[in-house]
Amino acid sequence: MAKVIALTSFEHHGSRSRGAQFDVSAQHADLLAKRGLVKLAGQAVPAGGGPAAPTSETNDGAQLVRQKAADAIAAIAAVTDLARLDAALKAETAKGDKARATVVEAIETAIKAAAQAQA
């Protein structure tokens, strides 16, 4: 078993908040560390050597599409930050065949509107 500290909030056998310490198998600790979700207790966060920790825009964008389609579309309509919209589009299209066409269309429309507003 290895004691790890969450670097960001995520789900792993329940909700893990940033800063939470918990025990996992060595294999899970390695996997979670490679994904930038945890660090081993007593170790510093690697600076550029390991995978990059998700940025807040990436997390916010992914959060937009982690809800029912109708709720996601309503939330997307209120967003004007291009980085956040781009992260949401990447998160939704990363679902492959399970990507929701209506959500992708709403994100693309919001990106066009935000780009025009900034031009």
PDB file of N, CA and C in Angstrom:
ATOM      1  N   MET A   1       0.839  -1.188   0.000  1.00  0.00           N
ATOM      2  CA  MET A   1       0.000   0.000   0.000  1.00  0.00           C
ATOM      3  C   MET A   1       0.879   1.245   0.000  1.00  0.00           C
ATOM      4  N   ALA A   2       0.367   2.279  -0.646  1.00  0.00           N
ATOM      5  CA  ALA A   2       1.089   3.547  -0.716  1.00  0.00           C
ATOM      6  C   ALA A   2       0.152   4.667  -0.290  1.00  0.00           C
ATOM      7  N   LYS A   3       0.671   5.602   0.485  1.00  0.00           N
ATOM      8  CA  LYS A   3      -0.111   6.764   0.893  1.00  0.00           C
ATOM      9  C   LYS A   3       0.102   7.852  -0.144  1.00  0.00           C
ATOM     10  N   VAL A   4      -1.006   8.388  -0.667  1.00  0.00           N
ATOM     11  CA  VAL A   4      -0.943   9.426  -1.693  1.00  0.00           C
ATOM     12  C   VAL A   4      -1.747  10.643  -1.249  1.00  0.00           C
ATOM     13  N   ILE A   5      -1.462  11.773  -1.902  1.00  0.00           N
ATOM     14  CA  ILE A   5      -2.172  13.024  -1.639  1.00  0.00           C
ATOM     15  C   ILE A   5      -2.768  13.497  -2.959  1.00  0.00           C
ATOM     16  N   ALA A   6      -4.061  13.784  -2.956  1.00  0.00           N
ATOM     17  CA  ALA A   6      -4.745  14.238  -4.173  1.00  0.00           C
ATOM     18  C   ALA A   6      -4.284  15.641  -4.551  1.00  0.00           C
ATOM     19  N   LEU A   7      -3.906  15.819  -5.822  1.00  0.00           N
ATOM     20  CA  LEU A   7      -3.502  17.128  -6.332  1.00  0.00           C
ATOM     21  C   LEU A   7      -4.691  17.897  -6.885  1.00  0.00           C
ATOM     22  N   THR A   8      -5.755  17.179  -7.189  1.00  0.00           N
ATOM     23  CA  THR A   8      -6.982  17.772  -7.711  1.00  0.00           C
ATOM     24  C   THR A   8      -8.137  16.873  -7.288  1.00  0.00           C
ATOM     25  N   SER A   9      -9.341  17.348  -7.349  1.00  0.00           N
ATOM     26  CA  SER A   9     -10.502  16.535  -6.994  1.00  0.00           C
ATOM     27  C   SER A   9     -10.792  15.532  -8.106  1.00  0.00           C
ATOM     28  N   PHE A  10     -11.142  14.310  -7.728  1.00  0.00           N
ATOM     29  CA  PHE A  10     -11.487  13.276  -8.695  1.00  0.00           C
ATOM     30  C   PHE A  10     -12.222  12.154  -7.986  1.00  0.00           C
ATOM     31  N   GLU A  11     -12.730  11.198  -8.749  1.00  0.00           N
ATOM     32  CA  GLU A  11     -13.444  10.043  -8.218  1.00  0.00           C
ATOM     33  C   GLU A  11     -12.554   8.809  -8.286  1.00  0.00           C
ATOM     34  N   HIS A  12     -12.340   8.159  -7.156  1.00  0.00           N
ATOM     35  CA  HIS A  12     -11.617   6.889  -7.096  1.00  0.00           C
ATOM     36  C   HIS A  12     -12.078   6.195  -5.825  1.00  0.00           C
ATOM     37  N   HIS A  13     -12.983   5.242  -5.962  1.00  0.00           N
ATOM     38  CA  HIS A  13     -13.600   4.595  -4.802  1.00  0.00           C
ATOM     39  C   HIS A  13     -14.172   5.658  -3.873  1.00  0.00           C
ATOM     40  N   GLY A  14     -14.942   6.563  -4.443  1.00  0.00           N
ATOM     41  CA  GLY A  14     -15.514   7.682  -3.704  1.00  0.00           C
ATOM     42  C   GLY A  14     -14.868   8.979  -4.149  1.00  0.00           C
ATOM     43  N   SER A  15     -15.416  10.067  -3.693  1.00  0.00           N
ATOM     44  CA  SER A  15     -14.915  11.385  -4.075  1.00  0.00           C
ATOM     45  C   SER A  15     -13.634  11.706  -3.314  1.00  0.00           C
ATOM     46  N   ARG A  16     -12.618  12.160  -4.034  1.00  0.00           N
ATOM     47  CA  ARG A  16     -11.340  12.558  -3.431  1.00  0.00           C
ATOM     48  C   ARG A  16     -11.163  14.049  -3.658  1.00  0.00           C
ATOM     49  N   SER A  17     -11.037  14.809  -2.604  1.00  0.00           N
ATOM     50  CA  SER A  17     -10.845  16.252  -2.697  1.00  0.00           C
ATOM     51  C   SER A  17      -9.369  16.578  -2.756  1.00  0.00           C
ATOM     52  N   ARG A  18      -9.043  17.738  -3.309  1.00  0.00           N
ATOM     53  CA  ARG A  18      -7.657  18.204  -3.371  1.00  0.00           C
ATOM     54  C   ARG A  18      -7.086  18.234  -1.954  1.00  0.00           C
ATOM     55  N   GLY A  19      -5.916  17.645  -1.786  1.00  0.00           N
ATOM     56  CA  GLY A  19      -5.249  17.613  -0.490  1.00  0.00           C
ATOM     57  C   GLY A  19      -5.595  16.400   0.357  1.00  0.00           C
ATOM     58  N   ALA A  20      -6.591  15.618  -0.059  1.00  0.00           N
ATOM     59  CA  ALA A  20      -6.981  14.433   0.709  1.00  0.00           C
ATOM     60  C   ALA A  20      -5.868  13.391   0.660  1.00  0.00           C
ATOM     61  N   GLN A  21      -5.594  12.760   1.796  1.00  0.00           N
ATOM     62  CA  GLN A  21      -4.600  11.689   1.860  1.00  0.00           C
ATOM     63  C   GLN A  21      -5.341  10.367   1.995  1.00  0.00           C
ATOM     64  N   PHE A  22      -4.900   9.372   1.234  1.00  0.00           N
ATOM     65  CA  PHE A  22      -5.527   8.064   1.302  1.00  0.00           C
ATOM     66  C   PHE A  22      -4.549   7.002   0.833  1.00  0.00           C
ATOM     67  N   ASP A  23      -4.855   5.752   1.171  1.00  0.00           N
ATOM     68  CA  ASP A  23      -4.002   4.623   0.811  1.00  0.00           C
ATOM     69  C   ASP A  23      -4.567   3.915  -0.413  1.00  0.00           C
ATOM     70  N   VAL A  24      -3.672   3.564  -1.329  1.00  0.00           N
ATOM     71  CA  VAL A  24      -4.024   2.774  -2.503  1.00  0.00           C
ATOM     72  C   VAL A  24      -2.906   1.763  -2.734  1.00  0.00           C
ATOM     73  N   SER A  25      -3.162   0.798  -3.598  1.00  0.00           N
ATOM     74  CA  SER A  25      -2.109  -0.159  -3.935  1.00  0.00           C
ATOM     75  C   SER A  25      -1.002   0.573  -4.685  1.00  0.00           C
ATOM     76  N   ALA A  26       0.172  -0.002  -4.701  1.00  0.00           N
ATOM     77  CA  ALA A  26       1.304   0.617  -5.394  1.00  0.00           C
ATOM     78  C   ALA A  26       0.990   0.808  -6.878  1.00  0.00           C
ATOM     79  N   GLN A  27       0.294  -0.162  -7.468  1.00  0.00           N
ATOM     80  CA  GLN A  27      -0.066  -0.071  -8.882  1.00  0.00           C
ATOM     81  C   GLN A  27      -1.012   1.106  -9.130  1.00  0.00           C
ATOM     82  N   HIS A  28      -2.033   1.261  -8.276  1.00  0.00           N
ATOM     83  CA  HIS A  28      -2.962   2.384  -8.425  1.00  0.00           C
ATOM     84  C   HIS A  28      -2.255   3.711  -8.166  1.00  0.00           C
ATOM     85  N   ALA A  29      -1.352   3.741  -7.201  1.00  0.00           N
ATOM     86  CA  ALA A  29      -0.606   4.973  -6.916  1.00  0.00           C
ATOM     87  C   ALA A  29       0.182   5.402  -8.145  1.00  0.00           C
ATOM     88  N   ASP A  30       0.830   4.451  -8.802  1.00  0.00           N
ATOM     89  CA  ASP A  30       1.610   4.758  -9.999  1.00  0.00           C
ATOM     90  C   ASP A  30       0.703   5.272 -11.118  1.00  0.00           C
ATOM     91  N   LEU A  31      -0.423   4.619 -11.329  1.00  0.00           N
ATOM     92  CA  LEU A  31      -1.366   5.021 -12.371  1.00  0.00           C
ATOM     93  C   LEU A  31      -1.925   6.420 -12.100  1.00  0.00           C
ATOM     94  N   LEU A  32      -2.351   6.682 -10.868  1.00  0.00           N
ATOM     95  CA  LEU A  32      -2.907   7.989 -10.524  1.00  0.00           C
ATOM     96  C   LEU A  32      -1.853   9.086 -10.620  1.00  0.00           C
ATOM     97  N   ALA A  33      -0.613   8.768 -10.252  1.00  0.00           N
ATOM     98  CA  ALA A  33       0.474   9.752 -10.345  1.00  0.00           C
ATOM     99  C   ALA A  33       0.784  10.076 -11.803  1.00  0.00           C
ATOM    100  N   LYS A  34       0.777   9.063 -12.674  1.00  0.00           N
ATOM    101  CA  LYS A  34       1.037   9.299 -14.097  1.00  0.00           C
ATOM    102  C   LYS A  34      -0.033  10.184 -14.721  1.00  0.00           C
ATOM    103  N   ARG A  35      -1.237  10.118 -14.200  1.00  0.00           N
ATOM    104  CA  ARG A  35      -2.332  10.947 -14.717  1.00  0.00           C
ATOM    105  C   ARG A  35      -2.339  12.335 -14.082  1.00  0.00           C
ATOM    106  N   GLY A  36      -1.404  12.592 -13.178  1.00  0.00           N
ATOM    107  CA  GLY A  36      -1.308  13.908 -12.557  1.00  0.00           C
ATOM    108  C   GLY A  36      -2.361  14.164 -11.493  1.00  0.00           C
ATOM    109  N   LEU A  37      -2.964  13.096 -10.960  1.00  0.00           N
ATOM    110  CA  LEU A  37      -4.023  13.258  -9.970  1.00  0.00           C
ATOM    111  C   LEU A  37      -3.512  13.251  -8.540  1.00  0.00           C
ATOM    112  N   VAL A  38      -2.401  12.542  -8.290  1.00  0.00           N
ATOM    113  CA  VAL A  38      -1.876  12.422  -6.928  1.00  0.00           C
ATOM    114  C   VAL A  38      -0.361  12.531  -6.921  1.00  0.00           C
ATOM    115  N   LYS A  39       0.179  12.728  -5.725  1.00  0.00           N
ATOM    116  CA  LYS A  39       1.615  12.587  -5.502  1.00  0.00           C
ATOM    117  C   LYS A  39       1.760  11.659  -4.308  1.00  0.00           C
ATOM    118  N   LEU A  40       2.885  10.979  -4.243  1.00  0.00           N
ATOM    119  CA  LEU A  40       3.144  10.134  -3.094  1.00  0.00           C
ATOM    120  C   LEU A  40       3.367  11.024  -1.887  1.00  0.00           C
ATOM    121  N   ALA A  41       2.831  10.637  -0.746  1.00  0.00           N
ATOM    122  CA  ALA A  41       2.999  11.428   0.470  1.00  0.00           C
ATOM    123  C   ALA A  41       4.489  11.548   0.769  1.00  0.00           C
ATOM    124  N   GLY A  42       4.936  12.752   1.070  1.00  0.00           N
ATOM    125  CA  GLY A  42       6.343  12.988   1.377  1.00  0.00           C
ATOM    126  C   GLY A  42       7.180  13.340   0.171  1.00  0.00           C
ATOM    127  N   GLN A  43       6.586  13.402  -1.013  1.00  0.00           N
ATOM    128  CA  GLN A  43       7.329  13.766  -2.219  1.00  0.00           C
ATOM    129  C   GLN A  43       6.826  15.094  -2.749  1.00  0.00           C
ATOM    130  N   ALA A  44       7.709  15.844  -3.354  1.00  0.00           N
ATOM    131  CA  ALA A  44       7.324  17.106  -3.988  1.00  0.00           C
ATOM    132  C   ALA A  44       6.669  16.806  -5.327  1.00  0.00           C
ATOM    133  N   VAL A  45       5.845  17.709  -5.776  1.00  0.00           N
ATOM    134  CA  VAL A  45       5.221  17.566  -7.094  1.00  0.00           C
ATOM    135  C   VAL A  45       6.300  17.761  -8.137  1.00  0.00           C
ATOM    136  N   PRO A  46       6.428  16.847  -9.119  1.00  0.00           N
ATOM    137  CA  PRO A  46       7.457  17.000 -10.135  1.00  0.00           C
ATOM    138  C   PRO A  46       7.243  18.270 -10.950  1.00  0.00           C
ATOM    139  N   ALA A  47       8.344  18.975 -11.225  1.00  0.00           N
ATOM    140  CA  ALA A  47       8.264  20.213 -12.007  1.00  0.00           C
ATOM    141  C   ALA A  47       8.690  19.930 -13.436  1.00  0.00           C
ATOM    142  N   GLY A  48       7.755  19.666 -14.297  1.00  0.00           N
ATOM    143  CA  GLY A  48       8.040  19.451 -15.706  1.00  0.00           C
ATOM    144  C   GLY A  48       8.534  18.053 -16.039  1.00  0.00           C
ATOM    145  N   GLY A  49       8.902  17.262 -15.070  1.00  0.00           N
ATOM    146  CA  GLY A  49       9.434  15.941 -15.352  1.00  0.00           C
ATOM    147  C   GLY A  49       8.354  14.924 -15.654  1.00  0.00           C
ATOM    148  N   GLY A  50       7.216  15.058 -15.001  1.00  0.00           N
ATOM    149  CA  GLY A  50       6.135  14.109 -15.181  1.00  0.00           C
ATOM    150  C   GLY A  50       5.036  14.702 -16.028  1.00  0.00           C
ATOM    151  N   PRO A  51       3.889  14.036 -16.067  1.00  0.00           N
ATOM    152  CA  PRO A  51       2.785  14.569 -16.852  1.00  0.00           C
ATOM    153  C   PRO A  51       2.280  15.865 -16.239  1.00  0.00           C
ATOM    154  N   ALA A  52       1.798  16.727 -17.080  1.00  0.00           N
ATOM    155  CA  ALA A  52       1.293  18.010 -16.606  1.00  0.00           C
ATOM    156  C   ALA A  52      -0.020  17.810 -15.866  1.00  0.00           C
ATOM    157  N   ALA A  53      -0.157  18.498 -14.762  1.00  0.00           N
ATOM    158  CA  ALA A  53      -1.416  18.460 -14.029  1.00  0.00           C
ATOM    159  C   ALA A  53      -2.452  19.230 -14.835  1.00  0.00           C
ATOM    160  N   PRO A  54      -3.696  18.785 -14.809  1.00  0.00           N
ATOM    161  CA  PRO A  54      -4.719  19.478 -15.571  1.00  0.00           C
ATOM    162  C   PRO A  54      -4.852  20.931 -15.123  1.00  0.00           C
ATOM    163  N   THR A  55      -5.051  21.827 -16.065  1.00  0.00           N
ATOM    164  CA  THR A  55      -5.227  23.236 -15.732  1.00  0.00           C
ATOM    165  C   THR A  55      -6.658  23.475 -15.298  1.00  0.00           C
ATOM    166  N   SER A  56      -6.894  24.615 -14.702  1.00  0.00           N
ATOM    167  CA  SER A  56      -8.252  24.907 -14.253  1.00  0.00           C
ATOM    168  C   SER A  56      -9.203  25.023 -15.440  1.00  0.00           C
ATOM    169  N   GLU A  57      -8.716  25.557 -16.592  1.00  0.00           N
ATOM    170  CA  GLU A  57      -9.580  25.640 -17.766  1.00  0.00           C
ATOM    171  C   GLU A  57      -9.982  24.246 -18.238  1.00  0.00           C
ATOM    172  N   THR A  58      -9.028  23.312 -18.200  1.00  0.00           N
ATOM    173  CA  THR A  58      -9.325  21.946 -18.612  1.00  0.00           C
ATOM    174  C   THR A  58     -10.350  21.327 -17.677  1.00  0.00           C
ATOM    175  N   ASN A  59     -10.143  21.501 -16.374  1.00  0.00           N
ATOM    176  CA  ASN A  59     -11.093  20.957 -15.408  1.00  0.00           C
ATOM    177  C   ASN A  59     -12.460  21.590 -15.573  1.00  0.00           C
ATOM    178  N   ASP A  60     -12.498  22.925 -15.735  1.00  0.00           N
ATOM    179  CA  ASP A  60     -13.769  23.615 -15.902  1.00  0.00           C
ATOM    180  C   ASP A  60     -14.472  23.172 -17.179  1.00  0.00           C
ATOM    181  N   GLY A  61     -13.708  23.018 -18.257  1.00  0.00           N
ATOM    182  CA  GLY A  61     -14.291  22.580 -19.517  1.00  0.00           C
ATOM    183  C   GLY A  61     -14.861  21.178 -19.415  1.00  0.00           C
ATOM    184  N   ALA A  62     -14.126  20.301 -18.761  1.00  0.00           N
ATOM    185  CA  ALA A  62     -14.606  18.933 -18.584  1.00  0.00           C
ATOM    186  C   ALA A  62     -15.841  18.907 -17.688  1.00  0.00           C
ATOM    187  N   GLN A  63     -15.868  19.785 -16.685  1.00  0.00           N
ATOM    188  CA  GLN A  63     -17.032  19.845 -15.799  1.00  0.00           C
ATOM    189  C   GLN A  63     -18.289  20.245 -16.567  1.00  0.00           C
ATOM    190  N   LEU A  64     -18.134  21.095 -17.564  1.00  0.00           N
ATOM    191  CA  LEU A  64     -19.292  21.524 -18.354  1.00  0.00           C
ATOM    192  C   LEU A  64     -19.998  20.346 -19.011  1.00  0.00           C
ATOM    193  N   VAL A  65     -19.244  19.364 -19.471  1.00  0.00           N
ATOM    194  CA  VAL A  65     -19.841  18.251 -20.213  1.00  0.00           C
ATOM    195  C   VAL A  65     -20.079  17.019 -19.346  1.00  0.00           C
ATOM    196  N   ARG A  66     -19.830  17.111 -18.046  1.00  0.00           N
ATOM    197  CA  ARG A  66     -20.076  15.987 -17.140  1.00  0.00           C
ATOM    198  C   ARG A  66     -21.460  16.069 -16.519  1.00  0.00           C
ATOM    199  N   GLN A  67     -22.414  16.473 -17.277  1.00  0.00           N
ATOM    200  CA  GLN A  67     -23.781  16.581 -16.794  1.00  0.00           C
ATOM    201  C   GLN A  67     -24.737  16.192 -17.913  1.00  0.00           C
ATOM    202  N   LYS A  68     -26.010  16.155 -17.592  1.00  0.00           N
ATOM    203  CA  LYS A  68     -27.008  15.812 -18.605  1.00  0.00           C
ATOM    204  C   LYS A  68     -26.885  16.779 -19.771  1.00  0.00           C
ATOM    205  N   ALA A  69     -27.224  16.310 -20.956  1.00  0.00           N
ATOM    206  CA  ALA A  69     -27.061  17.116 -22.169  1.00  0.00           C
ATOM    207  C   ALA A  69     -27.764  18.466 -22.062  1.00  0.00           C
ATOM    208  N   ALA A  70     -29.000  18.483 -21.591  1.00  0.00           N
ATOM    209  CA  ALA A  70     -29.746  19.745 -21.494  1.00  0.00           C
ATOM    210  C   ALA A  70     -29.055  20.714 -20.538  1.00  0.00           C
ATOM    211  N   ASP A  71     -28.568  20.198 -19.407  1.00  0.00           N
ATOM    212  CA  ASP A  71     -27.866  21.049 -18.444  1.00  0.00           C
ATOM    213  C   ASP A  71     -26.542  21.538 -19.015  1.00  0.00           C
ATOM    214  N   ALA A  72     -25.835  20.658 -19.725  1.00  0.00           N
ATOM    215  CA  ALA A  72     -24.557  21.034 -20.331  1.00  0.00           C
ATOM    216  C   ALA A  72     -24.761  22.130 -21.371  1.00  0.00           C
ATOM    217  N   ILE A  73     -25.778  21.987 -22.201  1.00  0.00           N
ATOM    218  CA  ILE A  73     -26.050  22.982 -23.244  1.00  0.00           C
ATOM    219  C   ILE A  73     -26.393  24.332 -22.618  1.00  0.00           C
ATOM    220  N   ALA A  74     -27.187  24.321 -21.554  1.00  0.00           N
ATOM    221  CA  ALA A  74     -27.541  25.573 -20.873  1.00  0.00           C
ATOM    222  C   ALA A  74     -26.303  26.223 -20.257  1.00  0.00           C
ATOM    223  N   ALA A  75     -25.434  25.424 -19.659  1.00  0.00           N
ATOM    224  CA  ALA A  75     -24.215  25.959 -19.044  1.00  0.00           C
ATOM    225  C   ALA A  75     -23.258  26.496 -20.104  1.00  0.00           C
ATOM    226  N   ILE A  76     -23.152  25.792 -21.210  1.00  0.00           N
ATOM    227  CA  ILE A  76     -22.246  26.193 -22.298  1.00  0.00           C
ATOM    228  C   ILE A  76     -22.676  27.532 -22.889  1.00  0.00           C
ATOM    229  N   ALA A  77     -23.977  27.754 -22.986  1.00  0.00           N
ATOM    230  CA  ALA A  77     -24.488  28.997 -23.568  1.00  0.00           C
ATOM    231  C   ALA A  77     -24.036  30.229 -22.787  1.00  0.00           C
ATOM    232  N   ALA A  78     -23.728  30.061 -21.503  1.00  0.00           N
ATOM    233  CA  ALA A  78     -23.328  31.195 -20.666  1.00  0.00           C
ATOM    234  C   ALA A  78     -21.815  31.415 -20.644  1.00  0.00           C
ATOM    235  N   VAL A  79     -21.043  30.533 -21.268  1.00  0.00           N
ATOM    236  CA  VAL A  79     -19.580  30.620 -21.223  1.00  0.00           C
ATOM    237  C   VAL A  79     -19.063  31.420 -22.416  1.00  0.00           C
ATOM    238  N   THR A  80     -18.128  32.341 -22.142  1.00  0.00           N
ATOM    239  CA  THR A  80     -17.519  33.138 -23.215  1.00  0.00           C
ATOM    240  C   THR A  80     -16.008  32.949 -23.286  1.00  0.00           C
ATOM    241  N   ASP A  81     -15.435  32.163 -22.385  1.00  0.00           N
ATOM    242  CA  ASP A  81     -13.991  31.925 -22.352  1.00  0.00           C
ATOM    243  C   ASP A  81     -13.629  30.856 -23.389  1.00  0.00           C
ATOM    244  N   LEU A  82     -12.846  31.255 -24.395  1.00  0.00           N
ATOM    245  CA  LEU A  82     -12.492  30.330 -25.482  1.00  0.00           C
ATOM    246  C   LEU A  82     -11.708  29.123 -24.986  1.00  0.00           C
ATOM    247  N   ALA A  83     -10.794  29.318 -24.035  1.00  0.00           N
ATOM    248  CA  ALA A  83     -10.002  28.194 -23.519  1.00  0.00           C
ATOM    249  C   ALA A  83     -10.901  27.172 -22.836  1.00  0.00           C
ATOM    250  N   ARG A  84     -11.868  27.657 -22.074  1.00  0.00           N
ATOM    251  CA  ARG A  84     -12.787  26.756 -21.379  1.00  0.00           C
ATOM    252  C   ARG A  84     -13.682  26.021 -22.373  1.00  0.00           C
ATOM    253  N   LEU A  85     -14.151  26.734 -23.387  1.00  0.00           N
ATOM    254  CA  LEU A  85     -14.981  26.096 -24.410  1.00  0.00           C
ATOM    255  C   LEU A  85     -14.185  25.062 -25.200  1.00  0.00           C
ATOM    256  N   ASP A  86     -12.932  25.378 -25.510  1.00  0.00           N
ATOM    257  CA  ASP A  86     -12.069  24.434 -26.221  1.00  0.00           C
ATOM    258  C   ASP A  86     -11.844  23.182 -25.379  1.00  0.00           C
ATOM    259  N   ALA A  87     -11.625  23.366 -24.081  1.00  0.00           N
ATOM    260  CA  ALA A  87     -11.439  22.220 -23.186  1.00  0.00           C
ATOM    261  C   ALA A  87     -12.708  21.376 -23.119  1.00  0.00           C
ATOM    262  N   ALA A  88     -13.862  22.033 -23.113  1.00  0.00           N
ATOM    263  CA  ALA A  88     -15.134  21.305 -23.095  1.00  0.00           C
ATOM    264  C   ALA A  88     -15.313  20.502 -24.377  1.00  0.00           C
ATOM    265  N   LEU A  89     -14.957  21.107 -25.512  1.00  0.00           N
ATOM    266  CA  LEU A  89     -15.064  20.408 -26.795  1.00  0.00           C
ATOM    267  C   LEU A  89     -14.143  19.191 -26.818  1.00  0.00           C
ATOM    268  N   LYS A  90     -12.915  19.356 -26.353  1.00  0.00           N
ATOM    269  CA  LYS A  90     -11.975  18.231 -26.310  1.00  0.00           C
ATOM    270  C   LYS A  90     -12.483  17.128 -25.391  1.00  0.00           C
ATOM    271  N   ALA A  91     -13.043  17.514 -24.240  1.00  0.00           N
ATOM    272  CA  ALA A  91     -13.552  16.521 -23.291  1.00  0.00           C
ATOM    273  C   ALA A  91     -14.732  15.752 -23.883  1.00  0.00           C
ATOM    274  N   GLU A  92     -15.610  16.450 -24.574  1.00  0.00           N
ATOM    275  CA  GLU A  92     -16.784  15.782 -25.151  1.00  0.00           C
ATOM    276  C   GLU A  92     -16.387  14.893 -26.321  1.00  0.00           C
ATOM    277  N   THR A  93     -15.526  15.381 -27.216  1.00  0.00           N
ATOM    278  CA  THR A  93     -15.138  14.577 -28.376  1.00  0.00           C
ATOM    279  C   THR A  93     -14.237  13.412 -27.977  1.00  0.00           C
ATOM    280  N   ALA A  94     -13.594  13.502 -26.820  1.00  0.00           N
ATOM    281  CA  ALA A  94     -12.762  12.393 -26.343  1.00  0.00           C
ATOM    282  C   ALA A  94     -13.611  11.174 -25.985  1.00  0.00           C
ATOM    283  N   LYS A  95     -14.899  11.357 -25.867  1.00  0.00           N
ATOM    284  CA  LYS A  95     -15.804  10.248 -25.555  1.00  0.00           C
ATOM    285  C   LYS A  95     -16.012   9.327 -26.752  1.00  0.00           C
ATOM    286  N   GLY A  96     -15.499   9.726 -27.911  1.00  0.00           N
ATOM    287  CA  GLY A  96     -15.609   8.892 -29.107  1.00  0.00           C
ATOM    288  C   GLY A  96     -17.044   8.756 -29.559  1.00  0.00           C
ATOM    289  N   ASP A  97     -17.499   7.510 -29.714  1.00  0.00           N
ATOM    290  CA  ASP A  97     -18.857   7.244 -30.183  1.00  0.00           C
ATOM    291  C   ASP A  97     -19.916   7.715 -29.197  1.00  0.00           C
ATOM    292  N   LYS A  98     -19.533   7.915 -27.941  1.00  0.00           N
ATOM    293  CA  LYS A  98     -20.496   8.338 -26.926  1.00  0.00           C
ATOM    294  C   LYS A  98     -20.618   9.857 -26.830  1.00  0.00           C
ATOM    295  N   ALA A  99     -19.862  10.584 -27.647  1.00  0.00           N
ATOM    296  CA  ALA A  99     -19.966  12.044 -27.662  1.00  0.00           C
ATOM    297  C   ALA A  99     -21.362  12.431 -28.136  1.00  0.00           C
ATOM    298  N   ARG A 100     -21.958  13.393 -27.461  1.00  0.00           N
ATOM    299  CA  ARG A 100     -23.320  13.815 -27.789  1.00  0.00           C
ATOM    300  C   ARG A 100     -23.264  14.925 -28.834  1.00  0.00           C
ATOM    301  N   ALA A 101     -23.875  14.659 -29.986  1.00  0.00           N
ATOM    302  CA  ALA A 101     -23.832  15.601 -31.109  1.00  0.00           C
ATOM    303  C   ALA A 101     -24.431  16.953 -30.737  1.00  0.00           C
ATOM    304  N   THR A 102     -25.495  16.954 -29.943  1.00  0.00           N
ATOM    305  CA  THR A 102     -26.119  18.224 -29.565  1.00  0.00           C
ATOM    306  C   THR A 102     -25.198  19.056 -28.683  1.00  0.00           C
ATOM    307  N   VAL A 103     -24.454  18.396 -27.810  1.00  0.00           N
ATOM    308  CA  VAL A 103     -23.520  19.110 -26.935  1.00  0.00           C
ATOM    309  C   VAL A 103     -22.347  19.645 -27.754  1.00  0.00           C
ATOM    310  N   VAL A 104     -21.814  18.824 -28.659  1.00  0.00           N
ATOM    311  CA  VAL A 104     -20.710  19.262 -29.524  1.00  0.00           C
ATOM    312  C   VAL A 104     -21.157  20.465 -30.350  1.00  0.00           C
ATOM    313  N   GLU A 105     -22.363  20.406 -30.904  1.00  0.00           N
ATOM    314  CA  GLU A 105     -22.886  21.519 -31.706  1.00  0.00           C
ATOM    315  C   GLU A 105     -23.026  22.783 -30.860  1.00  0.00           C
ATOM    316  N   ALA A 106     -23.507  22.639 -29.627  1.00  0.00           N
ATOM    317  CA  ALA A 106     -23.657  23.799 -28.740  1.00  0.00           C
ATOM    318  C   ALA A 106     -22.298  24.415 -28.411  1.00  0.00           C
ATOM    319  N   ILE A 107     -21.295  23.575 -28.194  1.00  0.00           N
ATOM    320  CA  ILE A 107     -19.948  24.082 -27.899  1.00  0.00           C
ATOM    321  C   ILE A 107     -19.386  24.811 -29.113  1.00  0.00           C
ATOM    322  N   GLU A 108     -19.519  24.210 -30.289  1.00  0.00           N
ATOM    323  CA  GLU A 108     -19.003  24.844 -31.509  1.00  0.00           C
ATOM    324  C   GLU A 108     -19.689  26.183 -31.769  1.00  0.00           C
ATOM    325  N   THR A 109     -20.989  26.257 -31.530  1.00  0.00           N
ATOM    326  CA  THR A 109     -21.725  27.511 -31.692  1.00  0.00           C
ATOM    327  C   THR A 109     -21.230  28.552 -30.695  1.00  0.00           C
ATOM    328  N   ALA A 110     -21.004  28.132 -29.458  1.00  0.00           N
ATOM    329  CA  ALA A 110     -20.513  29.055 -28.429  1.00  0.00           C
ATOM    330  C   ALA A 110     -19.105  29.540 -28.755  1.00  0.00           C
ATOM    331  N   ILE A 111     -18.271  28.664 -29.313  1.00  0.00           N
ATOM    332  CA  ILE A 111     -16.911  29.063 -29.702  1.00  0.00           C
ATOM    333  C   ILE A 111     -16.971  30.127 -30.798  1.00  0.00           C
ATOM    334  N   LYS A 112     -17.832  29.909 -31.800  1.00  0.00           N
ATOM    335  CA  LYS A 112     -17.970  30.896 -32.883  1.00  0.00           C
ATOM    336  C   LYS A 112     -18.447  32.237 -32.341  1.00  0.00           C
ATOM    337  N   ALA A 113     -19.433  32.199 -31.451  1.00  0.00           N
ATOM    338  CA  ALA A 113     -19.970  33.440 -30.880  1.00  0.00           C
ATOM    339  C   ALA A 113     -18.921  34.156 -30.031  1.00  0.00           C
ATOM    340  N   ALA A 114     -18.165  33.400 -29.245  1.00  0.00           N
ATOM    341  CA  ALA A 114     -17.131  34.006 -28.397  1.00  0.00           C
ATOM    342  C   ALA A 114     -16.009  34.592 -29.242  1.00  0.00           C
ATOM    343  N   ALA A 115     -15.650  33.902 -30.326  1.00  0.00           N
ATOM    344  CA  ALA A 115     -14.590  34.405 -31.208  1.00  0.00           C
ATOM    345  C   ALA A 115     -15.031  35.696 -31.892  1.00  0.00           C
ATOM    346  N   GLN A 116     -16.283  35.763 -32.312  1.00  0.00           N
ATOM    347  CA  GLN A 116     -16.801  36.979 -32.947  1.00  0.00           C
ATOM    348  C   GLN A 116     -16.868  38.129 -31.948  1.00  0.00           C
ATOM    349  N   ALA A 117     -17.228  37.828 -30.713  1.00  0.00           N
ATOM    350  CA  ALA A 117     -17.327  38.867 -29.686  1.00  0.00           C
ATOM    351  C   ALA A 117     -15.954  39.439 -29.341  1.00  0.00           C
ATOM    352  N   GLN A 118     -14.919  38.599 -29.431  1.00  0.00           N
ATOM    353  CA  GLN A 118     -13.564  39.053 -29.107  1.00  0.00           C
ATOM    354  C   GLN A 118     -12.889  39.732 -30.288  1.00  0.00           C
ATOM    355  N   ALA A 119     -13.428  39.548 -31.492  1.00  0.00           N
ATOM    356  CA  ALA A 119     -12.804  40.130 -32.699  1.00  0.00           C
ATOM    357  C   ALA A 119     -13.094  41.602 -32.850  1.00  0.00           C
TER     358      ALA A 119
END
